[in-house]
C-alpha cells in the first residue's frame, strides 16, 4: 500500500470542445514516502510581505509533496521560491478557493503572498 496517493483528472468543456487530461480515467499517483512526517496548518498570508511556508518538524532538505488550498473567496495567492535577499520567484497562482499540489524541490524555501488583503491558506506538507 502506498504512503501517499493523489487522484488527478482535469476536464475542459467550452464552446463545443471537450478535453480530458491525462485520459478518460482518473489517474492515481502512488508515492512511497521515505520519512513519516506531516505538517498541516491554516496560515494567515500577508498581502504586504511574503509569508514563509511552515514545515514544522520537516527539514527543508526533506520536504516532499505540498498541497495548498486558498480559503479566501476574493483574493488570489502567489506561491513562490524564496531565493533570499528579498528575491522571490513566483511559480504558481491560487485563485480564490483553488487548490494546487506539487512536489517541492528539496532545500527550497517556499513563500506565499496574497494580492489585496490578508487571507488564509490551508497547507499540507509531507516529508519526502
Protein backbone atom coordinates (compact mmCIF):
# COMPACT_ATOMS: atom_id res chain seq x y z
CA UNK A 1 0.00 0.00 0.00
CA UNK A 2 1.44 3.41 -0.95
CA UNK A 3 2.09 6.03 1.71
CA UNK A 4 0.70 8.89 -0.39
CA UNK A 5 -1.99 8.73 -3.09
CA UNK A 6 -3.03 11.60 -5.34
CA UNK A 7 -6.06 11.35 -7.63
CA UNK A 8 -5.97 13.58 -10.69
CA UNK A 9 -8.19 14.39 -13.63
CA UNK A 10 -8.63 17.69 -15.44
CA UNK A 11 -11.66 18.16 -17.69
CA UNK A 12 -12.28 21.05 -20.07
CA UNK A 13 -15.52 21.77 -21.88
CA UNK A 14 -16.18 25.08 -23.65
CA UNK A 15 -17.62 26.27 -26.96
CA UNK A 16 -18.36 22.75 -28.14
CA UNK A 17 -14.93 21.33 -27.43
CA UNK A 18 -14.08 18.78 -24.76
CA UNK A 19 -10.77 17.52 -23.43
CA UNK A 20 -9.62 15.34 -20.55
CA UNK A 21 -6.14 15.10 -19.09
CA UNK A 22 -4.42 12.71 -18.79
CA UNK A 23 -7.01 10.42 -20.41
CA UNK A 24 -10.60 9.30 -19.91
CA UNK A 25 -9.95 7.78 -16.48
CA UNK A 26 -8.85 9.32 -13.21
CA UNK A 27 -5.12 8.87 -12.73
CA UNK A 28 -3.93 7.69 -9.34
CA UNK A 29 -0.38 8.61 -8.45
CA UNK A 30 1.05 6.45 -5.67
CA UNK A 31 4.15 7.69 -3.85
CA UNK A 32 6.27 5.83 -1.33
CA UNK A 33 7.31 8.16 1.48
CA UNK A 34 10.82 7.66 2.89
CA UNK A 35 10.02 9.69 6.03
CA UNK A 36 6.84 9.78 8.07
CA UNK A 37 6.31 13.43 8.96
CA UNK A 38 3.40 15.66 8.00
CA UNK A 39 2.72 19.34 8.70
CA UNK A 40 -0.83 20.59 8.34
CA UNK A 41 -1.78 24.16 9.15
CA UNK A 42 -4.00 27.06 8.19
CA UNK A 43 -1.81 30.11 7.88
CA UNK A 44 -2.52 33.81 7.55
CA UNK A 45 -0.93 35.02 4.32
CA UNK A 46 0.11 38.67 4.15
CA UNK A 47 -0.51 40.95 1.20
CA UNK A 48 2.38 43.27 2.13
CA UNK A 49 5.20 40.72 2.54
CA UNK A 50 5.93 37.12 1.62
CA UNK A 51 4.82 34.57 4.24
CA UNK A 52 7.15 31.58 4.66
CA UNK A 53 5.52 28.18 4.22
CA UNK A 54 5.88 26.45 7.61
CA UNK A 55 7.43 22.99 7.52
CA UNK A 56 7.02 22.10 11.20
CA UNK A 57 9.27 19.11 12.02
CA UNK A 58 10.17 18.55 8.36
CA UNK A 59 13.67 19.61 7.37
CA UNK A 60 13.71 21.77 4.21
CA UNK A 61 16.04 19.18 2.64
CA UNK A 62 13.33 16.53 3.16
CA UNK A 63 10.19 18.36 2.03
CA UNK A 64 8.17 16.35 -0.45
CA UNK A 65 4.58 16.75 -1.60
CA UNK A 66 2.93 20.12 -0.87
CA UNK A 67 -0.83 20.67 -1.14
CA UNK A 68 -2.25 24.18 -0.77
CA UNK A 69 -5.82 25.49 -0.75
CA UNK A 70 -6.67 29.18 -0.87
CA UNK A 71 -9.53 29.53 1.65
CA UNK A 72 -10.31 33.11 0.61
CA UNK A 73 -13.28 33.79 -1.68
CA UNK A 74 -11.91 37.10 -3.01
CA UNK A 75 -8.09 37.24 -3.13
CA UNK A 76 -5.64 35.18 -5.12
CA UNK A 77 -2.40 33.90 -3.60
CA UNK A 78 1.02 33.75 -5.25
CA UNK A 79 3.29 30.80 -4.48
CA UNK A 80 7.00 31.42 -4.84
CA UNK A 81 10.54 30.24 -4.29
CA UNK A 82 12.40 32.50 -1.86
CA UNK A 83 15.93 32.88 -3.25
CA UNK A 84 16.99 35.08 -0.33
CA UNK A 85 17.97 38.73 -0.24
CA UNK A 86 14.37 39.81 -0.79
CA UNK A 87 14.06 37.97 -4.13
CA UNK A 88 11.07 35.65 -4.55
CA UNK A 89 10.28 33.94 -7.86
CA UNK A 90 6.56 33.30 -8.29
CA UNK A 91 5.81 29.94 -9.92
CA UNK A 92 2.10 29.40 -9.17
CA UNK A 93 -1.09 31.31 -8.50
CA UNK A 94 -4.07 30.11 -6.47
CA UNK A 95 -7.23 31.93 -7.43
CA UNK A 96 -9.93 32.20 -4.73
CA UNK A 97 -10.79 28.74 -3.33
CA UNK A 98 -8.37 26.95 -5.70
CA UNK A 99 -6.04 24.06 -4.84
CA UNK A 100 -2.58 23.09 -6.09
CA UNK A 101 -0.42 20.04 -5.43
CA UNK A 102 3.25 19.71 -6.31
CA UNK A 103 6.47 18.07 -5.21
CA UNK A 104 8.79 20.66 -3.67
CA UNK A 105 12.45 20.84 -4.58
CA UNK A 106 14.41 19.65 -1.52
CA UNK A 107 16.01 22.60 0.24
CA UNK A 108 13.83 25.21 -1.48
CA UNK A 109 12.33 27.94 0.72
CA UNK A 110 8.71 28.41 -0.28
CA UNK A 111 6.65 31.52 0.40
CA UNK A 112 3.12 32.83 -0.19
CA UNK A 113 1.65 36.30 -0.74
CA UNK A 114 -1.94 37.49 -1.11
CA UNK A 115 -2.75 40.06 -3.76
CA UNK A 116 -5.03 42.56 -1.99
CA UNK A 117 -5.77 41.69 1.64
CA UNK A 118 -4.53 39.09 4.12
CA UNK A 119 -6.15 35.70 3.64
CA UNK A 120 -5.96 32.14 4.91
CA UNK A 121 -4.34 29.21 3.12
CA UNK A 122 -4.59 25.58 4.19
CA UNK A 123 -1.13 23.99 3.81
CA UNK A 124 -0.45 20.26 3.88
CA UNK A 125 3.26 19.37 3.63
CA UNK A 126 4.58 15.80 3.57
CA UNK A 127 8.13 14.67 4.17
CA UNK A 128 9.83 13.08 1.15
